[in-house]
């Protein structure tokens, strides 16, 4: 068994387990569908949560090239939601907790993309 780090996904056994766990689920299509429309805020946030959670090279059950595209699309949509003149901002103008949560989600997604990009270079 090969292990390359301390995280739960940093071993051959874990990578195999994740592959089996997500078998028969077209994650790429499901995430892409949730990120299709700019104004489906709940779906966008839910899809971005999944990207943050399982959007890792050794966990992602879909196409790794599509993962990078989906991360980019998630970043684009969350950033648009946070623009001062966005409909999302209007909806949640007084709810700073929601705005702060989306700001954190955006930062996390950017970090996920950077982590995945640097892992690809290391390999």
PDB file of N, CA and C in Angstrom:
ATOM      1  N   UNK A   1       0.847  -1.181   0.000  1.00  0.00           N
ATOM      2  CA  UNK A   1       0.000   0.000   0.000  1.00  0.00           C
ATOM      3  C   UNK A   1       0.885   1.235   0.000  1.00  0.00           C
ATOM      4  N   UNK A   2       0.604   2.160  -0.880  1.00  0.00           N
ATOM      5  CA  UNK A   2       1.354   3.390  -0.948  1.00  0.00           C
ATOM      6  C   UNK A   2       0.633   4.505  -0.220  1.00  0.00           C
ATOM      7  N   UNK A   3       1.380   5.230   0.558  1.00  0.00           N
ATOM      8  CA  UNK A   3       0.836   6.411   1.245  1.00  0.00           C
ATOM      9  C   UNK A   3       1.775   7.570   0.962  1.00  0.00           C
ATOM     10  N   UNK A   4       1.216   8.748   0.800  1.00  0.00           N
ATOM     11  CA  UNK A   4       2.032   9.908   0.455  1.00  0.00           C
ATOM     12  C   UNK A   4       1.748  11.121   1.323  1.00  0.00           C
ATOM     13  N   UNK A   5       0.921  10.957   2.331  1.00  0.00           N
ATOM     14  CA  UNK A   5       0.631  12.070   3.229  1.00  0.00           C
ATOM     15  C   UNK A   5      -0.205  11.609   4.406  1.00  0.00           C
ATOM     16  N   UNK A   6      -0.575  12.544   5.253  1.00  0.00           N
ATOM     17  CA  UNK A   6      -1.297  12.229   6.484  1.00  0.00           C
ATOM     18  C   UNK A   6      -2.815  12.380   6.359  1.00  0.00           C
ATOM     19  N   UNK A   7      -3.295  12.955   5.275  1.00  0.00           N
ATOM     20  CA  UNK A   7      -4.733  13.161   5.111  1.00  0.00           C
ATOM     21  C   UNK A   7      -5.427  11.841   4.809  1.00  0.00           C
ATOM     22  N   UNK A   8      -6.723  11.748   5.109  1.00  0.00           N
ATOM     23  CA  UNK A   8      -7.450  10.499   4.906  1.00  0.00           C
ATOM     24  C   UNK A   8      -7.485  10.026   3.452  1.00  0.00           C
ATOM     25  N   UNK A   9      -7.198  10.869   2.510  1.00  0.00           N
ATOM     26  CA  UNK A   9      -7.246  10.518   1.095  1.00  0.00           C
ATOM     27  C   UNK A   9      -5.853  10.291   0.509  1.00  0.00           C
ATOM     28  N   UNK A  10      -4.822  10.359   1.321  1.00  0.00           N
ATOM     29  CA  UNK A  10      -3.443  10.278   0.847  1.00  0.00           C
ATOM     30  C   UNK A  10      -2.856   8.865   0.883  1.00  0.00           C
ATOM     31  N   UNK A  11      -3.597   7.899   0.350  1.00  0.00           N
ATOM     32  CA  UNK A  11      -3.067   6.535   0.243  1.00  0.00           C
ATOM     33  C   UNK A  11      -3.787   5.811  -0.880  1.00  0.00           C
ATOM     34  N   UNK A  12      -3.153   4.763  -1.371  1.00  0.00           N
ATOM     35  CA  UNK A  12      -3.770   3.969  -2.437  1.00  0.00           C
ATOM     36  C   UNK A  12      -5.098   3.373  -1.980  1.00  0.00           C
ATOM     37  N   UNK A  13      -5.120   2.843  -0.762  1.00  0.00           N
ATOM     38  CA  UNK A  13      -6.338   2.224  -0.246  1.00  0.00           C
ATOM     39  C   UNK A  13      -7.490   3.203  -0.163  1.00  0.00           C
ATOM     40  N   UNK A  14      -7.206   4.405   0.301  1.00  0.00           N
ATOM     41  CA  UNK A  14      -8.252   5.436   0.406  1.00  0.00           C
ATOM     42  C   UNK A  14      -8.724   5.868  -0.985  1.00  0.00           C
ATOM     43  N   UNK A  15      -7.779   6.071  -1.888  1.00  0.00           N
ATOM     44  CA  UNK A  15      -8.148   6.470  -3.250  1.00  0.00           C
ATOM     45  C   UNK A  15      -9.047   5.406  -3.886  1.00  0.00           C
ATOM     46  N   UNK A  16      -8.713   4.141  -3.678  1.00  0.00           N
ATOM     47  CA  UNK A  16      -9.551   3.060  -4.202  1.00  0.00           C
ATOM     48  C   UNK A  16     -10.937   3.082  -3.541  1.00  0.00           C
ATOM     49  N   UNK A  17     -10.980   3.321  -2.242  1.00  0.00           N
ATOM     50  CA  UNK A  17     -12.249   3.357  -1.525  1.00  0.00           C
ATOM     51  C   UNK A  17     -13.149   4.462  -2.073  1.00  0.00           C
ATOM     52  N   UNK A  18     -12.579   5.657  -2.270  1.00  0.00           N
ATOM     53  CA  UNK A  18     -13.370   6.761  -2.816  1.00  0.00           C
ATOM     54  C   UNK A  18     -13.895   6.409  -4.209  1.00  0.00           C
ATOM     55  N   UNK A  19     -13.078   5.783  -5.025  1.00  0.00           N
ATOM     56  CA  UNK A  19     -13.520   5.387  -6.358  1.00  0.00           C
ATOM     57  C   UNK A  19     -14.724   4.460  -6.273  1.00  0.00           C
ATOM     58  N   UNK A  20     -14.647   3.467  -5.407  1.00  0.00           N
ATOM     59  CA  UNK A  20     -15.760   2.528  -5.243  1.00  0.00           C
ATOM     60  C   UNK A  20     -16.993   3.214  -4.649  1.00  0.00           C
ATOM     61  N   UNK A  21     -16.791   4.094  -3.699  1.00  0.00           N
ATOM     62  CA  UNK A  21     -17.894   4.777  -3.034  1.00  0.00           C
ATOM     63  C   UNK A  21     -18.740   5.568  -4.028  1.00  0.00           C
ATOM     64  N   UNK A  22     -18.084   6.257  -4.962  1.00  0.00           N
ATOM     65  CA  UNK A  22     -18.783   7.130  -5.909  1.00  0.00           C
ATOM     66  C   UNK A  22     -19.106   6.450  -7.233  1.00  0.00           C
ATOM     67  N   UNK A  23     -18.872   5.134  -7.313  1.00  0.00           N
ATOM     68  CA  UNK A  23     -19.135   4.420  -8.546  1.00  0.00           C
ATOM     69  C   UNK A  23     -20.588   4.628  -8.984  1.00  0.00           C
ATOM     70  N   UNK A  24     -20.787   4.802 -10.264  1.00  0.00           N
ATOM     71  CA  UNK A  24     -22.107   4.981 -10.888  1.00  0.00           C
ATOM     72  C   UNK A  24     -22.740   6.343 -10.613  1.00  0.00           C
ATOM     73  N   UNK A  25     -22.012   7.273 -10.058  1.00  0.00           N
ATOM     74  CA  UNK A  25     -22.517   8.633  -9.873  1.00  0.00           C
ATOM     75  C   UNK A  25     -21.756   9.538 -10.841  1.00  0.00           C
ATOM     76  N   UNK A  26     -22.469  10.196 -11.728  1.00  0.00           N
ATOM     77  CA  UNK A  26     -21.825  11.113 -12.674  1.00  0.00           C
ATOM     78  C   UNK A  26     -21.695  12.479 -12.000  1.00  0.00           C
ATOM     79  N   UNK A  27     -20.679  12.586 -11.183  1.00  0.00           N
ATOM     80  CA  UNK A  27     -20.471  13.806 -10.398  1.00  0.00           C
ATOM     81  C   UNK A  27     -20.241  15.007 -11.301  1.00  0.00           C
ATOM     82  N   UNK A  28     -19.481  14.836 -12.350  1.00  0.00           N
ATOM     83  CA  UNK A  28     -19.222  15.952 -13.265  1.00  0.00           C
ATOM     84  C   UNK A  28     -20.530  16.547 -13.784  1.00  0.00           C
ATOM     85  N   UNK A  29     -21.437  15.688 -14.227  1.00  0.00           N
ATOM     86  CA  UNK A  29     -22.713  16.159 -14.784  1.00  0.00           C
ATOM     87  C   UNK A  29     -23.585  16.802 -13.715  1.00  0.00           C
ATOM     88  N   UNK A  30     -23.618  16.223 -12.528  1.00  0.00           N
ATOM     89  CA  UNK A  30     -24.457  16.785 -11.460  1.00  0.00           C
ATOM     90  C   UNK A  30     -23.959  18.165 -11.024  1.00  0.00           C
ATOM     91  N   UNK A  31     -22.665  18.291 -10.854  1.00  0.00           N
ATOM     92  CA  UNK A  31     -22.116  19.590 -10.447  1.00  0.00           C
ATOM     93  C   UNK A  31     -22.298  20.599 -11.573  1.00  0.00           C
ATOM     94  N   UNK A  32     -22.014  20.206 -12.797  1.00  0.00           N
ATOM     95  CA  UNK A  32     -22.172  21.117 -13.942  1.00  0.00           C
ATOM     96  C   UNK A  32     -23.608  21.613 -14.047  1.00  0.00           C
ATOM     97  N   UNK A  33     -24.573  20.722 -13.835  1.00  0.00           N
ATOM     98  CA  UNK A  33     -25.987  21.118 -13.899  1.00  0.00           C
ATOM     99  C   UNK A  33     -26.324  22.134 -12.817  1.00  0.00           C
ATOM    100  N   UNK A  34     -25.761  21.957 -11.631  1.00  0.00           N
ATOM    101  CA  UNK A  34     -26.028  22.895 -10.530  1.00  0.00           C
ATOM    102  C   UNK A  34     -25.388  24.253 -10.781  1.00  0.00           C
ATOM    103  N   UNK A  35     -24.323  24.277 -11.566  1.00  0.00           N
ATOM    104  CA  UNK A  35     -23.615  25.531 -11.852  1.00  0.00           C
ATOM    105  C   UNK A  35     -24.010  26.144 -13.190  1.00  0.00           C
ATOM    106  N   UNK A  36     -25.053  25.606 -13.799  1.00  0.00           N
ATOM    107  CA  UNK A  36     -25.452  26.063 -15.131  1.00  0.00           C
ATOM    108  C   UNK A  36     -26.037  27.473 -15.132  1.00  0.00           C
ATOM    109  N   UNK A  37     -26.859  27.786 -14.137  1.00  0.00           N
ATOM    110  CA  UNK A  37     -27.564  29.074 -14.126  1.00  0.00           C
ATOM    111  C   UNK A  37     -27.002  29.991 -13.042  1.00  0.00           C
ATOM    112  N   UNK A  38     -26.797  31.243 -13.399  1.00  0.00           N
ATOM    113  CA  UNK A  38     -26.186  32.222 -12.498  1.00  0.00           C
ATOM    114  C   UNK A  38     -27.051  32.576 -11.294  1.00  0.00           C
ATOM    115  N   UNK A  39     -28.349  32.333 -11.370  1.00  0.00           N
ATOM    116  CA  UNK A  39     -29.242  32.792 -10.304  1.00  0.00           C
ATOM    117  C   UNK A  39     -29.817  31.663  -9.446  1.00  0.00           C
ATOM    118  N   UNK A  40     -29.293  30.481  -9.561  1.00  0.00           N
ATOM    119  CA  UNK A  40     -29.714  29.354  -8.722  1.00  0.00           C
ATOM    120  C   UNK A  40     -28.792  29.288  -7.501  1.00  0.00           C
ATOM    121  N   UNK A  41     -28.904  30.285  -6.643  1.00  0.00           N
ATOM    122  CA  UNK A  41     -27.940  30.496  -5.562  1.00  0.00           C
ATOM    123  C   UNK A  41     -27.809  29.307  -4.608  1.00  0.00           C
ATOM    124  N   UNK A  42     -28.928  28.692  -4.253  1.00  0.00           N
ATOM    125  CA  UNK A  42     -28.865  27.558  -3.336  1.00  0.00           C
ATOM    126  C   UNK A  42     -28.118  26.390  -3.966  1.00  0.00           C
ATOM    127  N   UNK A  43     -28.414  26.104  -5.219  1.00  0.00           N
ATOM    128  CA  UNK A  43     -27.727  25.022  -5.923  1.00  0.00           C
ATOM    129  C   UNK A  43     -26.248  25.337  -6.101  1.00  0.00           C
ATOM    130  N   UNK A  44     -25.952  26.567  -6.438  1.00  0.00           N
ATOM    131  CA  UNK A  44     -24.559  26.979  -6.630  1.00  0.00           C
ATOM    132  C   UNK A  44     -23.770  26.755  -5.346  1.00  0.00           C
ATOM    133  N   UNK A  45     -24.336  27.203  -4.240  1.00  0.00           N
ATOM    134  CA  UNK A  45     -23.630  27.051  -2.962  1.00  0.00           C
ATOM    135  C   UNK A  45     -23.482  25.587  -2.582  1.00  0.00           C
ATOM    136  N   UNK A  46     -24.515  24.791  -2.827  1.00  0.00           N
ATOM    137  CA  UNK A  46     -24.443  23.360  -2.510  1.00  0.00           C
ATOM    138  C   UNK A  46     -23.384  22.672  -3.375  1.00  0.00           C
ATOM    139  N   UNK A  47     -23.364  22.992  -4.660  1.00  0.00           N
ATOM    140  CA  UNK A  47     -22.372  22.397  -5.563  1.00  0.00           C
ATOM    141  C   UNK A  47     -20.959  22.830  -5.172  1.00  0.00           C
ATOM    142  N   UNK A  48     -20.799  24.084  -4.797  1.00  0.00           N
ATOM    143  CA  UNK A  48     -19.483  24.575  -4.376  1.00  0.00           C
ATOM    144  C   UNK A  48     -19.039  23.904  -3.077  1.00  0.00           C
ATOM    145  N   UNK A  49     -19.990  23.616  -2.208  1.00  0.00           N
ATOM    146  CA  UNK A  49     -19.654  22.865  -0.989  1.00  0.00           C
ATOM    147  C   UNK A  49     -19.089  21.497  -1.365  1.00  0.00           C
ATOM    148  N   UNK A  50     -19.753  20.820  -2.302  1.00  0.00           N
ATOM    149  CA  UNK A  50     -19.261  19.509  -2.735  1.00  0.00           C
ATOM    150  C   UNK A  50     -17.890  19.632  -3.389  1.00  0.00           C
ATOM    151  N   UNK A  51     -17.694  20.664  -4.186  1.00  0.00           N
ATOM    152  CA  UNK A  51     -16.382  20.874  -4.796  1.00  0.00           C
ATOM    153  C   UNK A  51     -15.308  21.087  -3.731  1.00  0.00           C
ATOM    154  N   UNK A  52     -15.649  21.854  -2.700  1.00  0.00           N
ATOM    155  CA  UNK A  52     -14.691  22.074  -1.612  1.00  0.00           C
ATOM    156  C   UNK A  52     -14.409  20.794  -0.842  1.00  0.00           C
ATOM    157  N   UNK A  53     -15.421  19.971  -0.684  1.00  0.00           N
ATOM    158  CA  UNK A  53     -15.298  18.780   0.142  1.00  0.00           C
ATOM    159  C   UNK A  53     -14.621  17.628  -0.589  1.00  0.00           C
ATOM    160  N   UNK A  54     -15.070  17.320  -1.810  1.00  0.00           N
ATOM    161  CA  UNK A  54     -14.521  16.160  -2.517  1.00  0.00           C
ATOM    162  C   UNK A  54     -13.712  16.542  -3.752  1.00  0.00           C
ATOM    163  N   UNK A  55     -13.519  17.822  -3.989  1.00  0.00           N
ATOM    164  CA  UNK A  55     -12.798  18.277  -5.172  1.00  0.00           C
ATOM    165  C   UNK A  55     -11.289  18.193  -5.012  1.00  0.00           C
ATOM    166  N   UNK A  56     -10.821  17.027  -4.620  1.00  0.00           N
ATOM    167  CA  UNK A  56      -9.398  16.763  -4.427  1.00  0.00           C
ATOM    168  C   UNK A  56      -8.960  15.711  -5.438  1.00  0.00           C
ATOM    169  N   UNK A  57      -7.738  15.787  -5.874  1.00  0.00           N
ATOM    170  CA  UNK A  57      -7.244  14.897  -6.914  1.00  0.00           C
ATOM    171  C   UNK A  57      -7.507  13.423  -6.595  1.00  0.00           C
ATOM    172  N   UNK A  58      -7.240  12.958  -5.395  1.00  0.00           N
ATOM    173  CA  UNK A  58      -7.372  11.537  -5.084  1.00  0.00           C
ATOM    174  C   UNK A  58      -8.762  11.152  -4.582  1.00  0.00           C
ATOM    175  N   UNK A  59      -9.663  12.111  -4.503  1.00  0.00           N
ATOM    176  CA  UNK A  59     -11.020  11.842  -4.049  1.00  0.00           C
ATOM    177  C   UNK A  59     -12.016  12.012  -5.197  1.00  0.00           C
ATOM    178  N   UNK A  60     -11.816  12.997  -6.048  1.00  0.00           N
ATOM    179  CA  UNK A  60     -12.785  13.343  -7.091  1.00  0.00           C
ATOM    180  C   UNK A  60     -13.119  12.127  -7.943  1.00  0.00           C
ATOM    181  N   UNK A  61     -14.397  11.772  -8.024  1.00  0.00           N
ATOM    182  CA  UNK A  61     -14.792  10.574  -8.761  1.00  0.00           C
ATOM    183  C   UNK A  61     -14.997  10.801 -10.259  1.00  0.00           C
ATOM    184  N   UNK A  62     -14.806  12.008 -10.704  1.00  0.00           N
ATOM    185  CA  UNK A  62     -15.031  12.323 -12.115  1.00  0.00           C
ATOM    186  C   UNK A  62     -13.730  12.591 -12.842  1.00  0.00           C
ATOM    187  N   UNK A  63     -13.846  13.305 -13.923  1.00  0.00           N
ATOM    188  CA  UNK A  63     -12.732  13.669 -14.788  1.00  0.00           C
ATOM    189  C   UNK A  63     -11.956  14.813 -14.143  1.00  0.00           C
ATOM    190  N   UNK A  64     -10.653  14.616 -13.936  1.00  0.00           N
ATOM    191  CA  UNK A  64      -9.857  15.645 -13.262  1.00  0.00           C
ATOM    192  C   UNK A  64      -9.756  16.931 -14.081  1.00  0.00           C
ATOM    193  N   UNK A  65      -9.779  16.826 -15.398  1.00  0.00           N
ATOM    194  CA  UNK A  65      -9.772  18.040 -16.213  1.00  0.00           C
ATOM    195  C   UNK A  65     -11.071  18.818 -16.030  1.00  0.00           C
ATOM    196  N   UNK A  66     -12.179  18.105 -15.922  1.00  0.00           N
ATOM    197  CA  UNK A  66     -13.462  18.766 -15.683  1.00  0.00           C
ATOM    198  C   UNK A  66     -13.505  19.364 -14.283  1.00  0.00           C
ATOM    199  N   UNK A  67     -12.831  18.709 -13.336  1.00  0.00           N
ATOM    200  CA  UNK A  67     -12.799  19.246 -11.970  1.00  0.00           C
ATOM    201  C   UNK A  67     -12.242  20.661 -11.978  1.00  0.00           C
ATOM    202  N   UNK A  68     -11.157  20.877 -12.668  1.00  0.00           N
ATOM    203  CA  UNK A  68     -10.564  22.214 -12.730  1.00  0.00           C
ATOM    204  C   UNK A  68     -11.546  23.218 -13.344  1.00  0.00           C
ATOM    205  N   UNK A  69     -12.246  22.807 -14.387  1.00  0.00           N
ATOM    206  CA  UNK A  69     -13.253  23.675 -15.015  1.00  0.00           C
ATOM    207  C   UNK A  69     -14.389  23.983 -14.035  1.00  0.00           C
ATOM    208  N   UNK A  70     -14.852  22.958 -13.320  1.00  0.00           N
ATOM    209  CA  UNK A  70     -15.952  23.142 -12.372  1.00  0.00           C
ATOM    210  C   UNK A  70     -15.532  24.041 -11.217  1.00  0.00           C
ATOM    211  N   UNK A  71     -14.311  23.869 -10.732  1.00  0.00           N
ATOM    212  CA  UNK A  71     -13.805  24.762  -9.674  1.00  0.00           C
ATOM    213  C   UNK A  71     -13.783  26.206 -10.171  1.00  0.00           C
ATOM    214  N   UNK A  72     -13.309  26.388 -11.397  1.00  0.00           N
ATOM    215  CA  UNK A  72     -13.278  27.733 -11.979  1.00  0.00           C
ATOM    216  C   UNK A  72     -14.669  28.331 -12.119  1.00  0.00           C
ATOM    217  N   UNK A  73     -15.615  27.516 -12.563  1.00  0.00           N
ATOM    218  CA  UNK A  73     -16.994  27.995 -12.709  1.00  0.00           C
ATOM    219  C   UNK A  73     -17.594  28.342 -11.349  1.00  0.00           C
ATOM    220  N   UNK A  74     -17.343  27.516 -10.344  1.00  0.00           N
ATOM    221  CA  UNK A  74     -17.826  27.806  -8.994  1.00  0.00           C
ATOM    222  C   UNK A  74     -17.264  29.114  -8.470  1.00  0.00           C
ATOM    223  N   UNK A  75     -15.979  29.326  -8.687  1.00  0.00           N
ATOM    224  CA  UNK A  75     -15.333  30.574  -8.268  1.00  0.00           C
ATOM    225  C   UNK A  75     -15.976  31.756  -8.977  1.00  0.00           C
ATOM    226  N   UNK A  76     -16.181  31.620 -10.267  1.00  0.00           N
ATOM    227  CA  UNK A  76     -16.812  32.689 -11.061  1.00  0.00           C
ATOM    228  C   UNK A  76     -18.203  33.037 -10.524  1.00  0.00           C
ATOM    229  N   UNK A  77     -18.996  32.023 -10.236  1.00  0.00           N
ATOM    230  CA  UNK A  77     -20.367  32.258  -9.776  1.00  0.00           C
ATOM    231  C   UNK A  77     -20.411  32.846  -8.365  1.00  0.00           C
ATOM    232  N   UNK A  78     -19.602  32.320  -7.455  1.00  0.00           N
ATOM    233  CA  UNK A  78     -19.592  32.874  -6.100  1.00  0.00           C
ATOM    234  C   UNK A  78     -19.099  34.318  -6.109  1.00  0.00           C
ATOM    235  N   UNK A  79     -18.089  34.610  -6.913  1.00  0.00           N
ATOM    236  CA  UNK A  79     -17.582  35.986  -7.013  1.00  0.00           C
ATOM    237  C   UNK A  79     -18.671  36.915  -7.549  1.00  0.00           C
ATOM    238  N   UNK A  80     -19.416  36.452  -8.550  1.00  0.00           N
ATOM    239  CA  UNK A  80     -20.506  37.269  -9.106  1.00  0.00           C
ATOM    240  C   UNK A  80     -21.597  37.514  -8.066  1.00  0.00           C
ATOM    241  N   UNK A  81     -21.860  36.509  -7.253  1.00  0.00           N
ATOM    242  CA  UNK A  81     -22.874  36.661  -6.214  1.00  0.00           C
ATOM    243  C   UNK A  81     -22.472  37.741  -5.215  1.00  0.00           C
ATOM    244  N   UNK A  82     -21.182  37.907  -4.992  1.00  0.00           N
ATOM    245  CA  UNK A  82     -20.708  38.856  -3.993  1.00  0.00           C
ATOM    246  C   UNK A  82     -20.529  40.280  -4.527  1.00  0.00           C
ATOM    247  N   UNK A  83     -20.678  40.470  -5.831  1.00  0.00           N
ATOM    248  CA  UNK A  83     -20.546  41.815  -6.393  1.00  0.00           C
ATOM    249  C   UNK A  83     -21.610  42.725  -5.773  1.00  0.00           C
ATOM    250  N   UNK A  84     -21.240  43.980  -5.570  1.00  0.00           N
ATOM    251  CA  UNK A  84     -22.104  44.917  -4.839  1.00  0.00           C
ATOM    252  C   UNK A  84     -23.475  45.122  -5.481  1.00  0.00           C
ATOM    253  N   UNK A  85     -23.577  44.962  -6.792  1.00  0.00           N
ATOM    254  CA  UNK A  85     -24.855  45.204  -7.469  1.00  0.00           C
ATOM    255  C   UNK A  85     -25.581  43.903  -7.853  1.00  0.00           C
ATOM    256  N   UNK A  86     -25.194  42.784  -7.266  1.00  0.00           N
ATOM    257  CA  UNK A  86     -25.806  41.509  -7.643  1.00  0.00           C
ATOM    258  C   UNK A  86     -27.168  41.324  -6.979  1.00  0.00           C
ATOM    259  N   UNK A  87     -27.990  40.518  -7.616  1.00  0.00           N
ATOM    260  CA  UNK A  87     -29.294  40.182  -7.063  1.00  0.00           C
ATOM    261  C   UNK A  87     -29.135  39.427  -5.740  1.00  0.00           C
ATOM    262  N   UNK A  88     -28.123  38.578  -5.675  1.00  0.00           N
ATOM    263  CA  UNK A  88     -27.859  37.839  -4.436  1.00  0.00           C
ATOM    264  C   UNK A  88     -27.594  38.803  -3.281  1.00  0.00           C
ATOM    265  N   UNK A  89     -26.784  39.837  -3.527  1.00  0.00           N
ATOM    266  CA  UNK A  89     -26.503  40.844  -2.491  1.00  0.00           C
ATOM    267  C   UNK A  89     -27.778  41.551  -2.069  1.00  0.00           C
ATOM    268  N   UNK A  90     -28.629  41.849  -3.029  1.00  0.00           N
ATOM    269  CA  UNK A  90     -29.901  42.491  -2.698  1.00  0.00           C
ATOM    270  C   UNK A  90     -30.744  41.598  -1.800  1.00  0.00           C
ATOM    271  N   UNK A  91     -30.773  40.322  -2.122  1.00  0.00           N
ATOM    272  CA  UNK A  91     -31.551  39.380  -1.328  1.00  0.00           C
ATOM    273  C   UNK A  91     -31.032  39.251   0.107  1.00  0.00           C
ATOM    274  N   UNK A  92     -29.713  39.315   0.255  1.00  0.00           N
ATOM    275  CA  UNK A  92     -29.096  39.076   1.562  1.00  0.00           C
ATOM    276  C   UNK A  92     -28.368  40.299   2.113  1.00  0.00           C
ATOM    277  N   UNK A  93     -28.756  41.468   1.675  1.00  0.00           N
ATOM    278  CA  UNK A  93     -28.062  42.712   2.026  1.00  0.00           C
ATOM    279  C   UNK A  93     -27.866  42.876   3.526  1.00  0.00           C
ATOM    280  N   UNK A  94     -28.865  42.563   4.286  1.00  0.00           N
ATOM    281  CA  UNK A  94     -28.794  42.760   5.731  1.00  0.00           C
ATOM    282  C   UNK A  94     -28.298  41.527   6.487  1.00  0.00           C
ATOM    283  N   UNK A  95     -28.146  40.430   5.804  1.00  0.00           N
ATOM    284  CA  UNK A  95     -27.731  39.195   6.462  1.00  0.00           C
ATOM    285  C   UNK A  95     -26.230  38.994   6.258  1.00  0.00           C
ATOM    286  N   UNK A  96     -25.456  39.651   7.099  1.00  0.00           N
ATOM    287  CA  UNK A  96     -24.004  39.629   6.971  1.00  0.00           C
ATOM    288  C   UNK A  96     -23.431  38.233   7.173  1.00  0.00           C
ATOM    289  N   UNK A  97     -24.124  37.417   7.940  1.00  0.00           N
ATOM    290  CA  UNK A  97     -23.654  36.052   8.177  1.00  0.00           C
ATOM    291  C   UNK A  97     -23.628  35.248   6.866  1.00  0.00           C
ATOM    292  N   UNK A  98     -24.644  35.426   6.049  1.00  0.00           N
ATOM    293  CA  UNK A  98     -24.698  34.730   4.758  1.00  0.00           C
ATOM    294  C   UNK A  98     -23.595  35.259   3.835  1.00  0.00           C
ATOM    295  N   UNK A  99     -23.452  36.576   3.771  1.00  0.00           N
ATOM    296  CA  UNK A  99     -22.418  37.175   2.912  1.00  0.00           C
ATOM    297  C   UNK A  99     -21.043  36.689   3.346  1.00  0.00           C
ATOM    298  N   UNK A 100     -20.775  36.682   4.642  1.00  0.00           N
ATOM    299  CA  UNK A 100     -19.481  36.212   5.144  1.00  0.00           C
ATOM    300  C   UNK A 100     -19.279  34.731   4.835  1.00  0.00           C
ATOM    301  N   UNK A 101     -20.337  33.941   4.919  1.00  0.00           N
ATOM    302  CA  UNK A 101     -20.233  32.515   4.608  1.00  0.00           C
ATOM    303  C   UNK A 101     -19.858  32.314   3.138  1.00  0.00           C
ATOM    304  N   UNK A 102     -20.480  33.079   2.247  1.00  0.00           N
ATOM    305  CA  UNK A 102     -20.169  32.954   0.824  1.00  0.00           C
ATOM    306  C   UNK A 102     -18.742  33.443   0.553  1.00  0.00           C
ATOM    307  N   UNK A 103     -18.311  34.494   1.232  1.00  0.00           N
ATOM    308  CA  UNK A 103     -16.925  34.955   1.086  1.00  0.00           C
ATOM    309  C   UNK A 103     -15.946  33.843   1.477  1.00  0.00           C
ATOM    310  N   UNK A 104     -16.250  33.149   2.568  1.00  0.00           N
ATOM    311  CA  UNK A 104     -15.392  32.035   3.006  1.00  0.00           C
ATOM    312  C   UNK A 104     -15.446  30.892   1.994  1.00  0.00           C
ATOM    313  N   UNK A 105     -16.629  30.582   1.499  1.00  0.00           N
ATOM    314  CA  UNK A 105     -16.773  29.526   0.496  1.00  0.00           C
ATOM    315  C   UNK A 105     -15.941  29.845  -0.744  1.00  0.00           C
ATOM    316  N   UNK A 106     -15.956  31.103  -1.154  1.00  0.00           N
ATOM    317  CA  UNK A 106     -15.173  31.531  -2.309  1.00  0.00           C
ATOM    318  C   UNK A 106     -13.679  31.372  -2.037  1.00  0.00           C
ATOM    319  N   UNK A 107     -13.228  31.813  -0.877  1.00  0.00           N
ATOM    320  CA  UNK A 107     -11.815  31.683  -0.522  1.00  0.00           C
ATOM    321  C   UNK A 107     -11.402  30.212  -0.477  1.00  0.00           C
ATOM    322  N   UNK A 108     -12.259  29.375   0.093  1.00  0.00           N
ATOM    323  CA  UNK A 108     -11.966  27.937   0.160  1.00  0.00           C
ATOM    324  C   UNK A 108     -11.880  27.317  -1.229  1.00  0.00           C
ATOM    325  N   UNK A 109     -12.775  27.720  -2.116  1.00  0.00           N
ATOM    326  CA  UNK A 109     -12.768  27.176  -3.471  1.00  0.00           C
ATOM    327  C   UNK A 109     -11.502  27.591  -4.215  1.00  0.00           C
ATOM    328  N   UNK A 110     -11.087  28.835  -4.031  1.00  0.00           N
ATOM    329  CA  UNK A 110      -9.835  29.295  -4.651  1.00  0.00           C
ATOM    330  C   UNK A 110      -8.651  28.494  -4.118  1.00  0.00           C
ATOM    331  N   UNK A 111      -8.664  28.216  -2.836  1.00  0.00           N
ATOM    332  CA  UNK A 111      -7.596  27.412  -2.230  1.00  0.00           C
ATOM    333  C   UNK A 111      -7.614  25.992  -2.787  1.00  0.00           C
ATOM    334  N   UNK A 112      -8.809  25.426  -2.949  1.00  0.00           N
ATOM    335  CA  UNK A 112      -8.927  24.070  -3.497  1.00  0.00           C
ATOM    336  C   UNK A 112      -8.339  24.015  -4.896  1.00  0.00           C
ATOM    337  N   UNK A 113      -8.659  25.009  -5.722  1.00  0.00           N
ATOM    338  CA  UNK A 113      -8.132  25.054  -7.086  1.00  0.00           C
ATOM    339  C   UNK A 113      -6.611  25.170  -7.056  1.00  0.00           C
ATOM    340  N   UNK A 114      -6.089  26.036  -6.202  1.00  0.00           N
ATOM    341  CA  UNK A 114      -4.639  26.200  -6.095  1.00  0.00           C
ATOM    342  C   UNK A 114      -3.971  24.913  -5.610  1.00  0.00           C
ATOM    343  N   UNK A 115      -4.570  24.248  -4.624  1.00  0.00           N
ATOM    344  CA  UNK A 115      -4.025  22.985  -4.113  1.00  0.00           C
ATOM    345  C   UNK A 115      -3.978  21.931  -5.206  1.00  0.00           C
ATOM    346  N   UNK A 116      -5.066  21.809  -5.951  1.00  0.00           N
ATOM    347  CA  UNK A 116      -5.120  20.804  -7.013  1.00  0.00           C
ATOM    348  C   UNK A 116      -4.113  21.112  -8.111  1.00  0.00           C
ATOM    349  N   UNK A 117      -3.964  22.376  -8.445  1.00  0.00           N
ATOM    350  CA  UNK A 117      -3.005  22.774  -9.471  1.00  0.00           C
ATOM    351  C   UNK A 117      -1.586  22.486  -9.017  1.00  0.00           C
ATOM    352  N   UNK A 118      -1.258  22.780  -7.765  1.00  0.00           N
ATOM    353  CA  UNK A 118       0.095  22.527  -7.281  1.00  0.00           C
ATOM    354  C   UNK A 118       0.353  21.037  -7.142  1.00  0.00           C
ATOM    355  N   UNK A 119      -0.663  20.228  -6.803  1.00  0.00           N
ATOM    356  CA  UNK A 119      -0.490  18.777  -6.731  1.00  0.00           C
ATOM    357  C   UNK A 119      -0.230  18.181  -8.106  1.00  0.00           C
ATOM    358  N   UNK A 120      -0.854  18.717  -9.127  1.00  0.00           N
ATOM    359  CA  UNK A 120      -0.620  18.229 -10.485  1.00  0.00           C
ATOM    360  C   UNK A 120       0.810  18.495 -10.916  1.00  0.00           C
ATOM    361  N   UNK A 121       1.348  19.644 -10.500  1.00  0.00           N
ATOM    362  CA  UNK A 121       2.731  20.002 -10.849  1.00  0.00           C
ATOM    363  C   UNK A 121       3.708  19.096 -10.113  1.00  0.00           C
ATOM    364  N   UNK A 122       3.398  18.751  -8.855  1.00  0.00           N
ATOM    365  CA  UNK A 122       4.289  17.917  -8.050  1.00  0.00           C
ATOM    366  C   UNK A 122       4.402  16.500  -8.574  1.00  0.00           C
ATOM    367  N   UNK A 123       3.368  16.027  -9.242  1.00  0.00           N
ATOM    368  CA  UNK A 123       3.349  14.623  -9.657  1.00  0.00           C
ATOM    369  C   UNK A 123       4.198  14.363 -10.857  1.00  0.00           C
TER     370      UNK A 123
END
